[in-house]
Amino acid sequence: MTESQVLEGTWEEVQLRAAEFKGRHVKLIVSDEPAPVSQESSVPPLDPKATAAILFLQEKMKRALTDPEEIRKAEAELDELHRNLDANRRAAGERPLFPE
């Protein structure tokens, strides 16, 4: 049984793989149908604001806390900050922002 392969692409893409077929019988079919549109080229370019937002969120995700102990420590610090802010507001006769 003979092994067959179908190779599709532009002439330049086929030439890049020519060494794979050295010494073998090759049958070439040339078609005028347009090349399929790749997914990369069908995606519109991002506007600068969207690009900046994506980069910001990626960086924020890199710096995000993942250790449970570090998360608990950060939450405790935030709770302390809320208590201190509310204490100042109560002392000034204002309504607390973070009621317990």
Protein backbone atom coordinates (compact mmCIF):
# COMPACT_ATOMS: atom_id res chain seq x y z
CA MET A 1 0.00 0.00 0.00
CA THR A 2 1.33 3.45 -0.88
CA GLU A 3 1.33 6.40 1.43
CA SER A 4 -0.39 9.57 0.21
CA GLN A 5 -0.38 13.04 1.63
CA VAL A 6 -2.46 16.07 0.75
CA LEU A 7 -0.54 19.29 0.97
CA GLU A 8 -2.42 22.57 0.62
CA GLY A 9 -1.12 26.10 0.56
CA THR A 10 0.45 28.73 -1.60
CA TRP A 11 3.40 27.85 -3.84
CA GLU A 12 5.74 29.46 -1.31
CA GLU A 13 4.29 27.33 1.53
CA VAL A 14 4.66 24.16 -0.56
CA GLN A 15 8.27 25.07 -1.43
CA LEU A 16 9.14 25.31 2.25
CA ARG A 17 8.30 21.61 2.61
CA ALA A 18 9.93 20.47 -0.65
CA ALA A 19 12.78 18.67 1.13
CA GLU A 20 10.26 16.30 2.76
CA PHE A 21 9.30 14.94 -0.66
CA LYS A 22 12.76 14.64 -2.25
CA GLY A 23 13.01 11.42 -4.25
CA ARG A 24 9.28 10.73 -4.10
CA HIS A 25 6.68 10.92 -6.88
CA VAL A 26 4.68 14.14 -6.48
CA LYS A 27 1.36 14.95 -8.14
CA LEU A 28 0.55 18.66 -8.13
CA ILE A 29 -2.96 20.04 -8.57
CA VAL A 30 -3.24 23.79 -9.10
CA SER A 31 -6.51 25.47 -8.16
CA ASP A 32 -7.81 28.98 -8.78
CA GLU A 33 -10.04 28.95 -5.72
CA PRO A 34 -9.09 31.58 -3.15
CA ALA A 35 -7.07 30.56 -0.15
CA PRO A 36 -9.14 30.11 3.02
CA VAL A 37 -9.18 33.14 5.27
CA SER A 38 -7.21 32.44 8.40
CA GLN A 39 -8.80 33.24 11.74
CA GLU A 40 -5.97 35.62 12.59
CA SER A 41 -6.63 37.85 9.59
CA SER A 42 -10.40 37.83 10.13
CA VAL A 43 -10.09 39.34 13.60
CA PRO A 44 -10.20 43.14 13.45
CA PRO A 45 -7.31 44.97 15.10
CA LEU A 46 -7.94 46.20 18.63
CA ASP A 47 -8.25 49.89 19.26
CA PRO A 48 -5.59 51.40 21.55
CA LYS A 49 -7.95 51.70 24.55
CA ALA A 50 -8.93 48.03 24.34
CA THR A 51 -5.29 47.02 23.99
CA ALA A 52 -4.33 49.08 27.02
CA ALA A 53 -7.19 47.60 29.04
CA ILE A 54 -6.17 44.04 28.15
CA LEU A 55 -2.53 44.70 29.07
CA PHE A 56 -3.60 46.32 32.35
CA LEU A 57 -5.79 43.35 33.30
CA GLN A 58 -3.09 40.83 32.36
CA GLU A 59 -0.60 42.63 34.59
CA LYS A 60 -3.15 42.88 37.40
CA MET A 61 -3.79 39.14 37.15
CA LYS A 62 -0.05 38.44 37.41
CA ARG A 63 0.14 40.45 40.63
CA ALA A 64 -3.05 39.01 42.14
CA LEU A 65 -2.73 37.22 45.45
CA THR A 66 -3.22 33.47 45.20
CA ASP A 67 -1.87 32.27 48.54
CA PRO A 68 -4.82 31.80 50.97
CA GLU A 69 -2.79 33.12 53.91
CA GLU A 70 -1.80 36.27 51.99
CA ILE A 71 -5.46 36.78 50.99
CA ARG A 72 -6.59 36.52 54.63
CA LYS A 73 -3.88 38.99 55.67
CA ALA A 74 -4.93 41.47 52.96
CA GLU A 75 -8.60 41.13 53.93
CA ALA A 76 -7.72 41.78 57.60
CA GLU A 77 -5.79 44.91 56.60
CA LEU A 78 -8.76 46.11 54.54
CA ASP A 79 -11.15 45.48 57.43
CA GLU A 80 -8.86 47.46 59.74
CA LEU A 81 -8.78 50.33 57.24
CA HIS A 82 -12.60 50.33 57.05
CA ARG A 83 -12.88 50.37 60.87
CA ASN A 84 -10.43 53.29 61.12
CA LEU A 85 -12.23 55.28 58.40
CA ASP A 86 -15.58 54.69 60.09
CA ALA A 87 -14.14 55.66 63.49
CA ASN A 88 -13.06 59.00 62.04
CA ARG A 89 -16.50 59.54 60.48
CA ARG A 90 -18.28 58.66 63.74
CA ALA A 91 -16.01 61.05 65.65
CA ALA A 92 -17.01 63.77 63.19
CA GLY A 93 -20.71 62.93 63.64
CA GLU A 94 -21.03 61.44 60.15
CA ARG A 95 -22.62 58.20 59.03
CA PRO A 96 -20.14 55.29 58.71
CA LEU A 97 -19.40 54.11 55.18
CA PHE A 98 -18.59 50.52 56.15
CA PRO A 99 -21.07 49.42 58.85
CA GLU A 100 -20.19 46.11 60.49
